[in-house]
Amino acid sequence: MGREAHANKDGGVPREGQGQGRHVPVMLQRCLDLLAPALERPGAVVVDCTLGLGGHSEALLSRFPEARLVALDRDKEALRLSEERLAPFGDRATLVHAVYDELPEVLDRLGLTSVQGVLFDLGVSSMQLDEADRGFAYAQDAPLDMRMDQTTGIGAAEVLNTYPPGELVRILRAYGEEKQAKRIVSAVVRERDKEPFTNSARLVELIRDSLPQAAKRTGGNPAKRTFQALRIEVNGELTVLERAVPAAVKALAVEGRIAVLAYHSLEDRLVKQVLAAGAATTAPPGLPVVPERYQPRLKLLTRGAELPTEEEIAQNRRAAPARLRGAQRIREDAE
């Protein structure tokens, strides 16, 4: 099974795909076009909240020569590699080791009260997925780690080996949308009592053996939903995203723009809710005239979620599950 197997709505969905030795950022041109009206003015600041291997950041700095970039990533290895890639741009690029819900603190430290653009490209970066020892990919045997920041927190093995059965079922159902969660967890608990889990291949085999034949025939690799669920739990991804998207909207100057690439329905639903709430009036029903403080703060720039083109998917199969949403800040927050 090749890397392409991870281009589904799963725990191994990358942010950037392979191409001729270079990583190809997903929906790059559309992201640039969405952000362009806010970034073409001198002195604009754009935040790449998910730096990864720096593909989107490099394109932002190249396309908008007057803009300054602030880029965040929790993965120190990603920061090291991107620092080399973005070195030609000098002090126009500021790279920060941080999780993206720490955006307000990062901007405060840099003395920035607002920014003109924000980009999120959620999920696992290609570097994390392609390096077997990170444990994100179910197609190759590796230590069950899955931490995006390997300097902190607990890995997937500890989650599997120590969480109560009921909590594991909840995680698989909530974060992996796994219908067979009880079957899988029963098998995990039985096996971990014999020997703790350490590597991905044993977990993949256990999942295959646990599922009824019908469940194995649909939806790609049967382990993908469990791996997604574990990755989200280990990295607190949805909890972080719940804080990060509203914080990013709040950081936008008027006329500023935000673009968010999501790769599974849980992320996309959360992003949709935040942007839709910002684009709605908060006035009580029945007011003949809506006061300024109740007016929408955002204007949606995408009709629903935009999808990658068939041509892009053909060139980069990892783009297949991507969903892009964008919005523009049209008003200050009410006092």
C-alpha atoms as a PDB file:
ATOM      1  CA  MET A   1       0.000   0.000   0.000  1.00  0.00           C
ATOM      2  CA  GLY A   2       1.492   3.365  -1.015  1.00  0.00           C
ATOM      3  CA  ARG A   3       1.264   6.820   0.459  1.00  0.00           C
ATOM      4  CA  GLU A   4      -1.811   7.542  -1.641  1.00  0.00           C
ATOM      5  CA  ALA A   5      -3.840   5.333   0.686  1.00  0.00           C
ATOM      6  CA  HIS A   6      -3.814   8.219   3.143  1.00  0.00           C
ATOM      7  CA  ALA A   7      -5.530  10.674   0.848  1.00  0.00           C
ATOM      8  CA  ASN A   8      -8.879   9.767   2.389  1.00  0.00           C
ATOM      9  CA  LYS A   9     -10.758  11.408   5.233  1.00  0.00           C
ATOM     10  CA  ASP A  10      -8.570   9.652   7.757  1.00  0.00           C
ATOM     11  CA  GLY A  11      -5.856   9.795  10.387  1.00  0.00           C
ATOM     12  CA  GLY A  12      -3.142   9.985   7.781  1.00  0.00           C
ATOM     13  CA  VAL A  13      -4.325  12.944   5.729  1.00  0.00           C
ATOM     14  CA  PRO A  14      -1.426  15.254   4.993  1.00  0.00           C
ATOM     15  CA  ARG A  15      -1.275  18.968   4.459  1.00  0.00           C
ATOM     16  CA  GLU A  16       1.152  18.791   1.567  1.00  0.00           C
ATOM     17  CA  GLY A  17       1.619  16.134  -1.078  1.00  0.00           C
ATOM     18  CA  GLN A  18       4.681  14.719  -2.788  1.00  0.00           C
ATOM     19  CA  GLY A  19       5.709  15.974  -6.191  1.00  0.00           C
ATOM     20  CA  GLN A  20       9.070  15.637  -7.970  1.00  0.00           C
ATOM     21  CA  GLY A  21      10.946  15.757  -4.691  1.00  0.00           C
ATOM     22  CA  ARG A  22       9.088  18.912  -3.605  1.00  0.00           C
ATOM     23  CA  HIS A  23       5.980  19.021  -1.507  1.00  0.00           C
ATOM     24  CA  VAL A  24       3.003  20.475  -3.337  1.00  0.00           C
ATOM     25  CA  PRO A  25       0.739  22.578  -1.108  1.00  0.00           C
ATOM     26  CA  VAL A  26      -2.943  21.702  -1.353  1.00  0.00           C
ATOM     27  CA  MET A  27      -5.223  24.182  -3.205  1.00  0.00           C
ATOM     28  CA  LEU A  28      -2.355  26.657  -3.212  1.00  0.00           C
ATOM     29  CA  GLN A  29      -3.532  29.004  -5.966  1.00  0.00           C
ATOM     30  CA  ARG A  30      -7.057  29.250  -4.550  1.00  0.00           C
ATOM     31  CA  CYS A  31      -5.722  30.039  -1.063  1.00  0.00           C
ATOM     32  CA  LEU A  32      -3.505  32.793  -2.471  1.00  0.00           C
ATOM     33  CA  ASP A  33      -6.372  34.249  -4.500  1.00  0.00           C
ATOM     34  CA  LEU A  34      -8.705  34.250  -1.476  1.00  0.00           C
ATOM     35  CA  LEU A  35      -6.180  36.129   0.658  1.00  0.00           C
ATOM     36  CA  ALA A  36      -4.836  38.409  -2.096  1.00  0.00           C
ATOM     37  CA  PRO A  37      -7.087  41.491  -1.667  1.00  0.00           C
ATOM     38  CA  ALA A  38      -5.975  41.795   1.958  1.00  0.00           C
ATOM     39  CA  LEU A  39      -2.280  41.097   1.381  1.00  0.00           C
ATOM     40  CA  GLU A  40      -1.480  43.236  -1.642  1.00  0.00           C
ATOM     41  CA  ARG A  41      -1.228  46.425   0.400  1.00  0.00           C
ATOM     42  CA  PRO A  42       2.161  47.460   1.845  1.00  0.00           C
ATOM     43  CA  GLY A  43       2.790  46.437   5.449  1.00  0.00           C
ATOM     44  CA  ALA A  44       0.303  43.584   5.427  1.00  0.00           C
ATOM     45  CA  VAL A  45       0.908  40.793   7.963  1.00  0.00           C
ATOM     46  CA  VAL A  46      -0.192  37.235   7.216  1.00  0.00           C
ATOM     47  CA  VAL A  47      -0.154  34.354   9.684  1.00  0.00           C
ATOM     48  CA  ASP A  48       0.393  30.788   8.528  1.00  0.00           C
ATOM     49  CA  CYS A  49      -0.934  28.914  11.545  1.00  0.00           C
ATOM     50  CA  THR A  50       0.219  25.516  10.245  1.00  0.00           C
ATOM     51  CA  LEU A  51       3.673  26.039   8.748  1.00  0.00           C
ATOM     52  CA  GLY A  52       4.545  22.382   8.053  1.00  0.00           C
ATOM     53  CA  LEU A  53       7.202  22.188   5.351  1.00  0.00           C
ATOM     54  CA  GLY A  54       6.631  25.818   4.397  1.00  0.00           C
ATOM     55  CA  GLY A  55       4.990  25.404   0.986  1.00  0.00           C
ATOM     56  CA  HIS A  56       2.132  27.816   1.593  1.00  0.00           C
ATOM     57  CA  SER A  57       4.399  30.230   3.476  1.00  0.00           C
ATOM     58  CA  GLU A  58       6.946  30.321   0.662  1.00  0.00           C
ATOM     59  CA  ALA A  59       4.187  31.033  -1.859  1.00  0.00           C
ATOM     60  CA  LEU A  60       2.701  33.792   0.312  1.00  0.00           C
ATOM     61  CA  LEU A  61       6.063  35.552   0.641  1.00  0.00           C
ATOM     62  CA  SER A  62       6.723  35.213  -3.092  1.00  0.00           C
ATOM     63  CA  ARG A  63       3.286  36.361  -4.260  1.00  0.00           C
ATOM     64  CA  PHE A  64       3.035  39.298  -1.830  1.00  0.00           C
ATOM     65  CA  PRO A  65       6.486  40.962  -1.736  1.00  0.00           C
ATOM     66  CA  GLU A  66       5.333  43.731   0.629  1.00  0.00           C
ATOM     67  CA  ALA A  67       3.867  41.314   3.182  1.00  0.00           C
ATOM     68  CA  ARG A  68       5.370  40.085   6.436  1.00  0.00           C
ATOM     69  CA  LEU A  69       4.814  36.472   7.492  1.00  0.00           C
ATOM     70  CA  VAL A  70       4.350  35.037  10.974  1.00  0.00           C
ATOM     71  CA  ALA A  71       4.333  31.224  10.859  1.00  0.00           C
ATOM     72  CA  LEU A  72       3.482  28.815  13.674  1.00  0.00           C
ATOM     73  CA  ASP A  73       4.113  25.107  14.113  1.00  0.00           C
ATOM     74  CA  ARG A  74       4.235  22.822  17.129  1.00  0.00           C
ATOM     75  CA  ASP A  75       6.702  20.492  15.384  1.00  0.00           C
ATOM     76  CA  LYS A  76      10.332  21.571  15.914  1.00  0.00           C
ATOM     77  CA  GLU A  77      11.580  19.510  12.989  1.00  0.00           C
ATOM     78  CA  ALA A  78       9.101  21.247  10.673  1.00  0.00           C
ATOM     79  CA  LEU A  79      10.333  24.611  11.940  1.00  0.00           C
ATOM     80  CA  ARG A  80      13.952  23.641  11.300  1.00  0.00           C
ATOM     81  CA  LEU A  81      13.279  22.527   7.728  1.00  0.00           C
ATOM     82  CA  SER A  82      11.072  25.527   6.949  1.00  0.00           C
ATOM     83  CA  GLU A  83      13.652  27.910   8.349  1.00  0.00           C
ATOM     84  CA  GLU A  84      16.058  26.693   5.654  1.00  0.00           C
ATOM     85  CA  ARG A  85      13.387  26.964   2.957  1.00  0.00           C
ATOM     86  CA  LEU A  86      12.354  30.499   3.950  1.00  0.00           C
ATOM     87  CA  ALA A  87      15.876  31.813   4.644  1.00  0.00           C
ATOM     88  CA  PRO A  88      16.002  33.758   1.330  1.00  0.00           C
ATOM     89  CA  PHE A  89      13.162  35.974   2.586  1.00  0.00           C
ATOM     90  CA  GLY A  90      15.235  37.194   5.542  1.00  0.00           C
ATOM     91  CA  ASP A  91      13.427  39.070   8.286  1.00  0.00           C
ATOM     92  CA  ARG A  92      10.134  39.115   6.368  1.00  0.00           C
ATOM     93  CA  ALA A  93       9.485  35.668   7.902  1.00  0.00           C
ATOM     94  CA  THR A  94       9.114  35.112  11.646  1.00  0.00           C
ATOM     95  CA  LEU A  95       8.844  31.428  12.637  1.00  0.00           C
ATOM     96  CA  VAL A  96       7.448  30.543  16.059  1.00  0.00           C
ATOM     97  CA  HIS A  97       7.285  27.235  17.952  1.00  0.00           C
ATOM     98  CA  ALA A  98       3.658  27.319  19.086  1.00  0.00           C
ATOM     99  CA  VAL A  99       0.312  25.569  18.759  1.00  0.00           C
ATOM    100  CA  TYR A 100      -2.106  27.622  16.692  1.00  0.00           C
ATOM    101  CA  ASP A 101      -4.489  28.348  19.552  1.00  0.00           C
ATOM    102  CA  GLU A 102      -1.598  30.327  21.049  1.00  0.00           C
ATOM    103  CA  LEU A 103      -1.967  32.884  18.251  1.00  0.00           C
ATOM    104  CA  PRO A 104      -3.103  35.757  20.523  1.00  0.00           C
ATOM    105  CA  GLU A 105      -0.047  35.335  22.769  1.00  0.00           C
ATOM    106  CA  VAL A 106       2.298  35.099  19.771  1.00  0.00           C
ATOM    107  CA  LEU A 107       0.919  38.287  18.217  1.00  0.00           C
ATOM    108  CA  ASP A 108       1.094  40.057  21.568  1.00  0.00           C
ATOM    109  CA  ARG A 109       4.779  39.113  21.972  1.00  0.00           C
ATOM    110  CA  LEU A 110       5.477  40.441  18.470  1.00  0.00           C
ATOM    111  CA  GLY A 111       3.660  43.708  19.197  1.00  0.00           C
ATOM    112  CA  LEU A 112       0.963  43.058  16.564  1.00  0.00           C
ATOM    113  CA  THR A 113      -2.548  44.215  17.433  1.00  0.00           C
ATOM    114  CA  SER A 114      -4.109  42.859  14.239  1.00  0.00           C
ATOM    115  CA  VAL A 115      -3.219  41.061  10.990  1.00  0.00           C
ATOM    116  CA  GLN A 116      -4.466  41.203   7.414  1.00  0.00           C
ATOM    117  CA  GLY A 117      -4.498  37.487   6.628  1.00  0.00           C
ATOM    118  CA  VAL A 118      -4.663  34.091   8.350  1.00  0.00           C
ATOM    119  CA  LEU A 119      -4.214  30.660   6.773  1.00  0.00           C
ATOM    120  CA  PHE A 120      -4.922  27.301   8.413  1.00  0.00           C
ATOM    121  CA  ASP A 121      -3.982  24.058   6.641  1.00  0.00           C
ATOM    122  CA  LEU A 122      -5.126  21.446   9.132  1.00  0.00           C
ATOM    123  CA  GLY A 123      -4.166  17.795   9.529  1.00  0.00           C
ATOM    124  CA  VAL A 124      -0.877  15.946   9.411  1.00  0.00           C
ATOM    125  CA  SER A 125       2.002  17.345   7.360  1.00  0.00           C
ATOM    126  CA  SER A 126       3.639  15.174   4.726  1.00  0.00           C
ATOM    127  CA  MET A 127       6.851  15.160   6.722  1.00  0.00           C
ATOM    128  CA  GLN A 128       5.063  13.686   9.743  1.00  0.00           C
ATOM    129  CA  LEU A 129       3.238  11.160   7.598  1.00  0.00           C
ATOM    130  CA  ASP A 130       6.232  10.105   5.515  1.00  0.00           C
ATOM    131  CA  GLU A 131       8.651   9.646   8.430  1.00  0.00           C
ATOM    132  CA  ALA A 132       7.729   6.175   9.628  1.00  0.00           C
ATOM    133  CA  ASP A 133       8.998   6.636  13.171  1.00  0.00           C
ATOM    134  CA  ARG A 134       6.359   9.307  13.881  1.00  0.00           C
ATOM    135  CA  GLY A 135       3.626   6.633  13.922  1.00  0.00           C
ATOM    136  CA  PHE A 136       0.954   8.555  11.983  1.00  0.00           C
ATOM    137  CA  ALA A 137       0.735   6.197   9.024  1.00  0.00           C
ATOM    138  CA  TYR A 138      -1.073   2.894   9.345  1.00  0.00           C
ATOM    139  CA  ALA A 139       0.470   1.590   6.108  1.00  0.00           C
ATOM    140  CA  GLN A 140       3.899   1.058   7.693  1.00  0.00           C
ATOM    141  CA  ASP A 141       4.980  -0.331  11.045  1.00  0.00           C
ATOM    142  CA  ALA A 142       6.187   2.323  13.487  1.00  0.00           C
ATOM    143  CA  PRO A 143       6.134   3.243  17.182  1.00  0.00           C
ATOM    144  CA  LEU A 144       2.633   4.379  18.169  1.00  0.00           C
ATOM    145  CA  ASP A 145       3.498   8.014  18.900  1.00  0.00           C
ATOM    146  CA  MET A 146       1.457  10.459  16.753  1.00  0.00           C
ATOM    147  CA  ARG A 147       2.541  13.558  18.695  1.00  0.00           C
ATOM    148  CA  MET A 148       2.982  16.564  16.433  1.00  0.00           C
ATOM    149  CA  ASP A 149       5.239  18.047  19.105  1.00  0.00           C
ATOM    150  CA  GLN A 150       7.407  15.185  20.315  1.00  0.00           C
ATOM    151  CA  THR A 151       8.715  17.215  23.249  1.00  0.00           C
ATOM    152  CA  THR A 152       5.460  17.176  25.180  1.00  0.00           C
ATOM    153  CA  GLY A 153       2.363  15.130  26.032  1.00  0.00           C
ATOM    154  CA  ILE A 154       1.588  11.420  25.789  1.00  0.00           C
ATOM    155  CA  GLY A 155       1.716   9.284  22.653  1.00  0.00           C
ATOM    156  CA  ALA A 156      -0.901   7.036  21.097  1.00  0.00           C
ATOM    157  CA  ALA A 157       0.497   3.912  22.764  1.00  0.00           C
ATOM    158  CA  GLU A 158      -0.104   5.384  26.213  1.00  0.00           C
ATOM    159  CA  VAL A 159      -3.671   6.298  25.236  1.00  0.00           C
ATOM    160  CA  LEU A 160      -4.321   2.729  24.050  1.00  0.00           C
ATOM    161  CA  ASN A 161      -2.659   1.121  27.052  1.00  0.00           C
ATOM    162  CA  THR A 162      -4.048   3.282  29.886  1.00  0.00           C
ATOM    163  CA  TYR A 163      -7.398   4.841  28.965  1.00  0.00           C
ATOM    164  CA  PRO A 164     -10.515   3.160  30.415  1.00  0.00           C
ATOM    165  CA  PRO A 165     -12.524   1.179  27.828  1.00  0.00           C
ATOM    166  CA  GLY A 166     -15.450   3.596  27.909  1.00  0.00           C
ATOM    167  CA  GLU A 167     -13.172   6.548  27.170  1.00  0.00           C
ATOM    168  CA  LEU A 168     -11.557   4.720  24.260  1.00  0.00           C
ATOM    169  CA  VAL A 169     -14.994   3.945  22.799  1.00  0.00           C
ATOM    170  CA  ARG A 170     -15.969   7.617  23.120  1.00  0.00           C
ATOM    171  CA  ILE A 171     -12.789   8.753  21.349  1.00  0.00           C
ATOM    172  CA  LEU A 172     -13.185   6.311  18.458  1.00  0.00           C
ATOM    173  CA  ARG A 173     -16.819   7.281  17.982  1.00  0.00           C
ATOM    174  CA  ALA A 174     -16.417  11.045  18.417  1.00  0.00           C
ATOM    175  CA  TYR A 175     -13.111  11.613  16.624  1.00  0.00           C
ATOM    176  CA  GLY A 176     -13.024   8.688  14.199  1.00  0.00           C
ATOM    177  CA  GLU A 177     -16.752   8.279  13.540  1.00  0.00           C
ATOM    178  CA  GLU A 178     -16.013   4.566  13.945  1.00  0.00           C
ATOM    179  CA  LYS A 179     -19.201   2.493  14.057  1.00  0.00           C
ATOM    180  CA  GLN A 180     -17.309  -0.573  15.245  1.00  0.00           C
ATOM    181  CA  ALA A 181     -15.734   1.231  18.224  1.00  0.00           C
ATOM    182  CA  LYS A 182     -16.958  -1.274  20.847  1.00  0.00           C
ATOM    183  CA  ARG A 183     -15.612  -4.270  18.933  1.00  0.00           C
ATOM    184  CA  ILE A 184     -12.223  -2.630  18.428  1.00  0.00           C
ATOM    185  CA  VAL A 185     -11.908  -1.454  22.029  1.00  0.00           C
ATOM    186  CA  SER A 186     -12.879  -4.879  23.401  1.00  0.00           C
ATOM    187  CA  ALA A 187     -10.053  -6.394  21.354  1.00  0.00           C
ATOM    188  CA  VAL A 188      -7.612  -3.654  22.418  1.00  0.00           C
ATOM    189  CA  VAL A 189      -8.372  -4.175  26.121  1.00  0.00           C
ATOM    190  CA  ARG A 190      -8.035  -7.953  25.792  1.00  0.00           C
ATOM    191  CA  GLU A 191      -4.691  -7.655  24.004  1.00  0.00           C
ATOM    192  CA  ARG A 192      -3.199  -4.878  26.128  1.00  0.00           C
ATOM    193  CA  ASP A 193      -3.717  -7.034  29.224  1.00  0.00           C
ATOM    194  CA  LYS A 194      -1.450  -9.641  27.615  1.00  0.00           C
ATOM    195  CA  GLU A 195       1.139  -7.157  26.354  1.00  0.00           C
ATOM    196  CA  PRO A 196       1.069  -3.338  26.061  1.00  0.00           C
ATOM    197  CA  PHE A 197       0.831  -1.834  22.582  1.00  0.00           C
ATOM    198  CA  THR A 198       3.986  -0.247  21.199  1.00  0.00           C
ATOM    199  CA  ASN A 199       3.792  -0.409  17.401  1.00  0.00           C
ATOM    200  CA  SER A 200       1.253   0.394  14.708  1.00  0.00           C
ATOM    201  CA  ALA A 201       1.331  -2.920  12.800  1.00  0.00           C
ATOM    202  CA  ARG A 202      -0.069  -4.866  15.757  1.00  0.00           C
ATOM    203  CA  LEU A 203      -2.915  -2.375  16.129  1.00  0.00           C
ATOM    204  CA  VAL A 204      -3.722  -2.471  12.397  1.00  0.00           C
ATOM    205  CA  GLU A 205      -3.816  -6.280  12.464  1.00  0.00           C
ATOM    206  CA  LEU A 206      -6.036  -6.286  15.560  1.00  0.00           C
ATOM    207  CA  ILE A 207      -8.491  -3.871  13.908  1.00  0.00           C
ATOM    208  CA  ARG A 208      -8.642  -6.016  10.759  1.00  0.00           C
ATOM    209  CA  ASP A 209      -9.324  -9.125  12.862  1.00  0.00           C
ATOM    210  CA  SER A 210     -11.981  -7.359  14.945  1.00  0.00           C
ATOM    211  CA  LEU A 211     -14.217  -6.112  12.167  1.00  0.00           C
ATOM    212  CA  PRO A 212     -16.989  -8.031  10.424  1.00  0.00           C
ATOM    213  CA  GLN A 213     -16.342  -8.781   6.745  1.00  0.00           C
ATOM    214  CA  ALA A 214     -18.845  -6.180   5.550  1.00  0.00           C
ATOM    215  CA  ALA A 215     -17.028  -3.396   7.410  1.00  0.00           C
ATOM    216  CA  LYS A 216     -13.718  -4.385   5.824  1.00  0.00           C
ATOM    217  CA  ARG A 217     -15.078  -4.042   2.310  1.00  0.00           C
ATOM    218  CA  THR A 218     -15.962  -0.355   2.477  1.00  0.00           C
ATOM    219  CA  GLY A 219     -14.146   2.917   3.080  1.00  0.00           C
ATOM    220  CA  GLY A 220     -10.516   2.033   2.450  1.00  0.00           C
ATOM    221  CA  ASN A 221      -8.144   0.797   5.135  1.00  0.00           C
ATOM    222  CA  PRO A 222     -10.207  -0.329   8.154  1.00  0.00           C
ATOM    223  CA  ALA A 223      -7.635   1.191  10.533  1.00  0.00           C
ATOM    224  CA  LYS A 224      -7.938   4.747   9.202  1.00  0.00           C
ATOM    225  CA  ARG A 225     -10.753   5.898  11.508  1.00  0.00           C
ATOM    226  CA  THR A 226      -9.037   4.557  14.634  1.00  0.00           C
ATOM    227  CA  PHE A 227      -5.748   6.225  13.664  1.00  0.00           C
ATOM    228  CA  GLN A 228      -7.560   9.502  13.019  1.00  0.00           C
ATOM    229  CA  ALA A 229      -9.254   9.297  16.416  1.00  0.00           C
ATOM    230  CA  LEU A 230      -6.010   8.563  18.254  1.00  0.00           C
ATOM    231  CA  ARG A 231      -4.169  11.369  16.475  1.00  0.00           C
ATOM    232  CA  ILE A 232      -6.890  13.900  17.331  1.00  0.00           C
ATOM    233  CA  GLU A 233      -6.880  12.790  20.980  1.00  0.00           C
ATOM    234  CA  VAL A 234      -3.085  12.794  21.326  1.00  0.00           C
ATOM    235  CA  ASN A 235      -2.775  16.302  19.884  1.00  0.00           C
ATOM    236  CA  GLY A 236      -6.021  17.754  21.265  1.00  0.00           C
ATOM    237  CA  GLU A 237      -6.748  18.890  17.720  1.00  0.00           C
ATOM    238  CA  LEU A 238     -10.453  19.711  17.927  1.00  0.00           C
ATOM    239  CA  THR A 239     -10.114  21.384  21.319  1.00  0.00           C
ATOM    240  CA  VAL A 240      -7.268  23.499  19.952  1.00  0.00           C
ATOM    241  CA  LEU A 241      -9.218  24.305  16.777  1.00  0.00           C
ATOM    242  CA  GLU A 242     -12.269  25.380  18.802  1.00  0.00           C
ATOM    243  CA  ARG A 243     -10.100  28.074  20.396  1.00  0.00           C
ATOM    244  CA  ALA A 244      -7.920  28.865  17.401  1.00  0.00           C
ATOM    245  CA  VAL A 245     -10.438  29.797  14.689  1.00  0.00           C
ATOM    246  CA  PRO A 246     -12.345  32.351  16.820  1.00  0.00           C
ATOM    247  CA  ALA A 247      -8.990  33.774  17.981  1.00  0.00           C
ATOM    248  CA  ALA A 248      -7.846  34.119  14.371  1.00  0.00           C
ATOM    249  CA  VAL A 249     -11.079  35.882  13.377  1.00  0.00           C
ATOM    250  CA  LYS A 250     -10.662  38.240  16.322  1.00  0.00           C
ATOM    251  CA  ALA A 251      -7.080  39.017  15.241  1.00  0.00           C
ATOM    252  CA  LEU A 252      -8.155  40.091  11.743  1.00  0.00           C
ATOM    253  CA  ALA A 253      -8.171  43.792  10.917  1.00  0.00           C
ATOM    254  CA  VAL A 254     -11.209  45.126   9.056  1.00  0.00           C
ATOM    255  CA  GLU A 255     -10.870  43.982   5.406  1.00  0.00           C
ATOM    256  CA  GLY A 256      -8.595  41.156   6.616  1.00  0.00           C
ATOM    257  CA  ARG A 257      -9.211  37.636   5.325  1.00  0.00           C
ATOM    258  CA  ILE A 258      -9.027  34.079   6.662  1.00  0.00           C
ATOM    259  CA  ALA A 259      -8.726  30.829   4.689  1.00  0.00           C
ATOM    260  CA  VAL A 260      -9.043  27.383   6.285  1.00  0.00           C
ATOM    261  CA  LEU A 261      -8.280  24.017   4.675  1.00  0.00           C
ATOM    262  CA  ALA A 262      -9.846  21.074   6.533  1.00  0.00           C
ATOM    263  CA  TYR A 263      -9.513  17.376   5.719  1.00  0.00           C
ATOM    264  CA  HIS A 264     -12.291  15.659   7.608  1.00  0.00           C
ATOM    265  CA  SER A 265     -15.873  16.461   8.506  1.00  0.00           C
ATOM    266  CA  LEU A 266     -15.221  17.145  12.197  1.00  0.00           C
ATOM    267  CA  GLU A 267     -12.755  19.948  11.435  1.00  0.00           C
ATOM    268  CA  ASP A 268     -14.807  21.336   8.580  1.00  0.00           C
ATOM    269  CA  ARG A 269     -18.007  21.403  10.641  1.00  0.00           C
ATOM    270  CA  LEU A 270     -16.295  23.359  13.390  1.00  0.00           C
ATOM    271  CA  VAL A 271     -14.809  25.886  10.949  1.00  0.00           C
ATOM    272  CA  LYS A 272     -18.179  26.266   9.214  1.00  0.00           C
ATOM    273  CA  GLN A 273     -19.917  27.003  12.529  1.00  0.00           C
ATOM    274  CA  VAL A 274     -17.424  29.704  13.561  1.00  0.00           C
ATOM    275  CA  LEU A 275     -17.454  31.488  10.199  1.00  0.00           C
ATOM    276  CA  ALA A 276     -21.230  31.212   9.813  1.00  0.00           C
ATOM    277  CA  ALA A 277     -21.755  32.657  13.304  1.00  0.00           C
ATOM    278  CA  GLY A 278     -19.503  35.599  12.441  1.00  0.00           C
ATOM    279  CA  ALA A 279     -21.469  36.226   9.237  1.00  0.00           C
ATOM    280  CA  ALA A 280     -24.856  36.234  10.989  1.00  0.00           C
ATOM    281  CA  THR A 281     -26.614  39.033  12.798  1.00  0.00           C
ATOM    282  CA  THR A 282     -26.780  38.687  16.572  1.00  0.00           C
ATOM    283  CA  ALA A 283     -29.854  40.902  16.898  1.00  0.00           C
ATOM    284  CA  PRO A 284     -32.902  39.663  18.787  1.00  0.00           C
ATOM    285  CA  PRO A 285     -35.650  38.685  16.330  1.00  0.00           C
ATOM    286  CA  GLY A 286     -38.223  41.289  15.348  1.00  0.00           C
ATOM    287  CA  LEU A 287     -36.122  44.465  15.509  1.00  0.00           C
ATOM    288  CA  PRO A 288     -37.268  46.885  12.762  1.00  0.00           C
ATOM    289  CA  VAL A 289     -33.721  48.271  12.449  1.00  0.00           C
ATOM    290  CA  VAL A 290     -30.647  46.244  13.405  1.00  0.00           C
ATOM    291  CA  PRO A 291     -28.222  48.356  15.482  1.00  0.00           C
ATOM    292  CA  GLU A 292     -24.539  48.435  14.510  1.00  0.00           C
ATOM    293  CA  ARG A 293     -23.443  46.255  17.417  1.00  0.00           C
ATOM    294  CA  TYR A 294     -25.591  43.367  16.151  1.00  0.00           C
ATOM    295  CA  GLN A 295     -24.405  43.504  12.533  1.00  0.00           C
ATOM    296  CA  PRO A 296     -22.347  40.621  11.089  1.00  0.00           C
ATOM    297  CA  ARG A 297     -18.583  40.812  11.597  1.00  0.00           C
ATOM    298  CA  LEU A 298     -17.701  38.564   8.651  1.00  0.00           C
ATOM    299  CA  LYS A 299     -18.607  38.122   5.007  1.00  0.00           C
ATOM    300  CA  LEU A 300     -18.286  34.562   3.694  1.00  0.00           C
ATOM    301  CA  LEU A 301     -16.017  34.286   0.640  1.00  0.00           C
ATOM    302  CA  THR A 302     -16.853  30.693  -0.303  1.00  0.00           C
ATOM    303  CA  ARG A 303     -20.220  29.151  -1.084  1.00  0.00           C
ATOM    304  CA  GLY A 304     -20.108  26.255   1.347  1.00  0.00           C
ATOM    305  CA  ALA A 305     -16.775  24.463   1.242  1.00  0.00           C
ATOM    306  CA  GLU A 306     -14.759  24.638  -1.975  1.00  0.00           C
ATOM    307  CA  LEU A 307     -13.223  21.394  -3.215  1.00  0.00           C
ATOM    308  CA  PRO A 308      -9.993  20.725  -5.111  1.00  0.00           C
ATOM    309  CA  THR A 309     -10.322  20.355  -8.878  1.00  0.00           C
ATOM    310  CA  GLU A 310     -10.171  16.957 -10.552  1.00  0.00           C
ATOM    311  CA  GLU A 311      -6.923  18.090 -12.161  1.00  0.00           C
ATOM    312  CA  GLU A 312      -5.340  18.865  -8.789  1.00  0.00           C
ATOM    313  CA  ILE A 313      -6.451  15.543  -7.315  1.00  0.00           C
ATOM    314  CA  ALA A 314      -4.948  13.772 -10.331  1.00  0.00           C
ATOM    315  CA  GLN A 315      -1.636  15.539  -9.700  1.00  0.00           C
ATOM    316  CA  ASN A 316      -1.733  15.236  -5.909  1.00  0.00           C
ATOM    317  CA  ARG A 317      -4.027  12.527  -4.547  1.00  0.00           C
ATOM    318  CA  ARG A 318      -3.451  13.789  -1.044  1.00  0.00           C
ATOM    319  CA  ALA A 319      -5.592  16.826  -1.918  1.00  0.00           C
ATOM    320  CA  ALA A 320      -8.723  14.692  -2.435  1.00  0.00           C
ATOM    321  CA  PRO A 321     -10.452  15.211   0.939  1.00  0.00           C
ATOM    322  CA  ALA A 322      -9.588  18.947   1.257  1.00  0.00           C
ATOM    323  CA  ARG A 323     -12.378  21.428   2.036  1.00  0.00           C
ATOM    324  CA  LEU A 324     -11.614  25.164   1.817  1.00  0.00           C
ATOM    325  CA  ARG A 325     -13.599  27.936   3.511  1.00  0.00           C
ATOM    326  CA  GLY A 326     -12.846  31.650   3.566  1.00  0.00           C
ATOM    327  CA  ALA A 327     -14.214  34.821   5.137  1.00  0.00           C
ATOM    328  CA  GLN A 328     -13.492  38.542   5.256  1.00  0.00           C
ATOM    329  CA  ARG A 329     -13.680  40.775   8.324  1.00  0.00           C
ATOM    330  CA  ILE A 330     -16.131  43.596   7.549  1.00  0.00           C
ATOM    331  CA  ARG A 331     -16.599  45.163  10.990  1.00  0.00           C
ATOM    332  CA  GLU A 332     -14.881  45.580  14.318  1.00  0.00           C
ATOM    333  CA  ASP A 333     -16.190  43.583  17.263  1.00  0.00           C
ATOM    334  CA  ALA A 334     -18.892  45.301  19.297  1.00  0.00           C
ATOM    335  CA  GLU A 335     -17.602  46.904  22.449  1.00  0.00           C
END
